[in-house]
Protein backbone atom coordinates (compact mmCIF):
# COMPACT_ATOMS: atom_id res chain seq x y z
CA MET A 1 32.27 1.27 -31.30
CA ARG A 2 35.90 0.26 -31.05
CA ARG A 3 37.31 -2.82 -29.39
CA PRO A 4 40.97 -2.46 -28.48
CA ASP A 5 43.17 -5.55 -28.26
CA ALA A 6 43.34 -4.99 -24.49
CA SER A 7 41.82 -2.43 -22.17
CA PHE A 8 41.43 -1.41 -18.56
CA VAL A 9 38.43 0.21 -16.90
CA SER A 10 38.80 1.21 -13.27
CA TYR A 11 36.37 -0.60 -11.00
CA GLY A 12 34.68 2.56 -9.77
CA ARG A 13 33.72 3.61 -13.31
CA LEU A 14 31.69 0.49 -14.02
CA PRO A 15 27.91 0.82 -13.81
CA ARG A 16 26.89 -0.03 -10.25
CA GLU A 17 30.49 -1.17 -9.81
CA ASN A 18 29.57 -4.55 -11.30
CA PRO A 19 31.32 -5.96 -14.37
CA PRO A 20 28.67 -6.04 -17.11
CA LEU A 21 28.05 -9.05 -19.30
CA GLY A 22 28.77 -8.45 -22.98
CA ASN A 23 29.89 -5.08 -24.30
CA VAL A 24 30.99 -2.42 -21.86
CA GLU A 25 29.42 0.91 -22.76
CA VAL A 26 31.99 3.06 -21.02
CA ALA A 27 35.27 4.20 -22.57
CA PRO A 28 38.23 2.41 -21.01
CA ASP A 29 40.82 4.28 -19.01
CA LEU A 30 43.54 2.48 -21.00
CA ALA A 31 43.28 1.11 -24.55
CA VAL A 32 46.02 -1.08 -26.01
CA GLU A 33 46.39 -1.74 -29.74
CA VAL A 34 48.86 -4.36 -30.93
CA VAL A 35 50.03 -3.70 -34.49
CA SER A 36 49.38 -6.59 -36.87
CA PRO A 37 51.23 -7.02 -40.18
CA HIS A 38 48.12 -5.99 -42.14
CA ASP A 39 47.39 -2.82 -40.08
CA LEU A 40 47.73 0.51 -41.85
CA TYR A 41 49.26 3.48 -40.03
CA SER A 42 46.30 5.65 -41.05
CA GLU A 43 43.84 3.19 -39.48
CA LEU A 44 45.81 3.03 -36.24
CA HIS A 45 46.02 6.82 -36.12
CA THR A 46 42.24 7.03 -36.59
CA LYS A 47 41.69 4.53 -33.77
CA VAL A 48 43.93 6.51 -31.42
CA ARG A 49 42.10 9.76 -32.24
CA GLU A 50 38.72 8.07 -31.68
CA TYR A 51 39.81 6.55 -28.36
CA LEU A 52 41.03 9.91 -27.09
CA ALA A 53 37.90 11.71 -28.32
CA ALA A 54 35.78 9.12 -26.45
CA GLY A 55 37.60 9.92 -23.20
CA VAL A 56 40.27 7.22 -23.06
CA ARG A 57 43.02 8.66 -20.89
CA LEU A 58 45.93 6.51 -22.04
CA VAL A 59 46.54 4.63 -25.30
CA TRP A 60 49.41 2.26 -25.99
CA VAL A 61 50.14 1.19 -29.58
CA ILE A 62 52.57 -1.72 -29.43
CA ASP A 63 54.42 -2.95 -32.52
CA PRO A 64 55.88 -6.41 -31.83
CA GLN A 65 57.56 -6.61 -35.26
CA ASP A 66 59.43 -3.31 -34.79
CA ARG A 67 59.79 -3.97 -31.05
CA SER A 68 58.56 -0.48 -30.26
CA ALA A 69 55.51 1.34 -28.94
CA VAL A 70 53.94 4.77 -28.91
CA THR A 71 52.02 5.94 -25.86
CA TYR A 72 49.40 8.69 -26.05
CA GLY A 73 47.95 10.82 -23.28
CA PRO A 74 44.74 12.86 -23.37
CA ASP A 75 46.47 15.71 -25.24
CA GLY A 76 47.20 13.35 -28.15
CA ALA A 77 50.96 13.79 -27.92
CA GLY A 78 52.77 10.54 -28.64
CA THR A 79 55.87 9.24 -26.90
CA PHE A 80 57.96 6.69 -28.81
CA LEU A 81 59.47 3.78 -26.87
CA THR A 82 62.05 1.21 -27.87
CA GLU A 83 62.02 -2.20 -26.21
CA GLU A 84 64.22 -0.83 -23.42
CA GLY A 85 61.68 1.91 -22.66
CA LEU A 86 59.11 1.75 -19.89
CA LEU A 87 55.38 1.45 -20.37
CA VAL A 88 54.05 3.49 -17.46
CA GLY A 89 50.52 3.73 -16.16
CA GLY A 90 50.69 7.35 -15.03
CA ASP A 91 47.53 8.42 -13.22
CA VAL A 92 45.55 5.66 -14.99
CA LEU A 93 47.53 2.82 -13.37
CA PRO A 94 49.48 4.49 -10.57
CA GLY A 95 52.74 2.72 -9.79
CA PHE A 96 52.65 0.52 -12.91
CA ALA A 97 55.85 0.41 -14.95
CA CYS A 98 57.05 -2.38 -17.20
CA ARG A 99 59.92 -2.57 -19.66
CA LEU A 100 58.39 -2.84 -23.14
CA GLY A 101 60.73 -5.70 -24.05
CA ASP A 102 59.26 -7.75 -21.20
CA VAL A 103 55.81 -7.83 -22.84
CA LEU A 104 57.04 -8.52 -26.38
CA PRO A 105 57.47 -12.04 -27.75
CA LYS A 106 60.93 -13.46 -27.21
CA GLN A 107 63.25 -13.12 -30.20
CA ALA A 108 64.49 -16.32 -31.80
């Protein structure tokens, strides 16, 4: 069982369309991992592979230190974004688009 830093599950995919108490036993539609200073690339890569294998349709790996992100679709292909790039929801979050820099901590 993995627990991403943030996730989204569409309402219609929840059991009986009610938010469960405790752990959700359905793969999210979107999983977000925020890179911490102690994270290893190999561990993050393993998490992404496991999310996609479990049926997650969109994975965002956000690196606040590098001010970048990589987004992954179901085919496992990654798209690199700088802070000027757009995080888009695709068919998981239709109409959602946000500049990566807008979700990163402000620089001093």
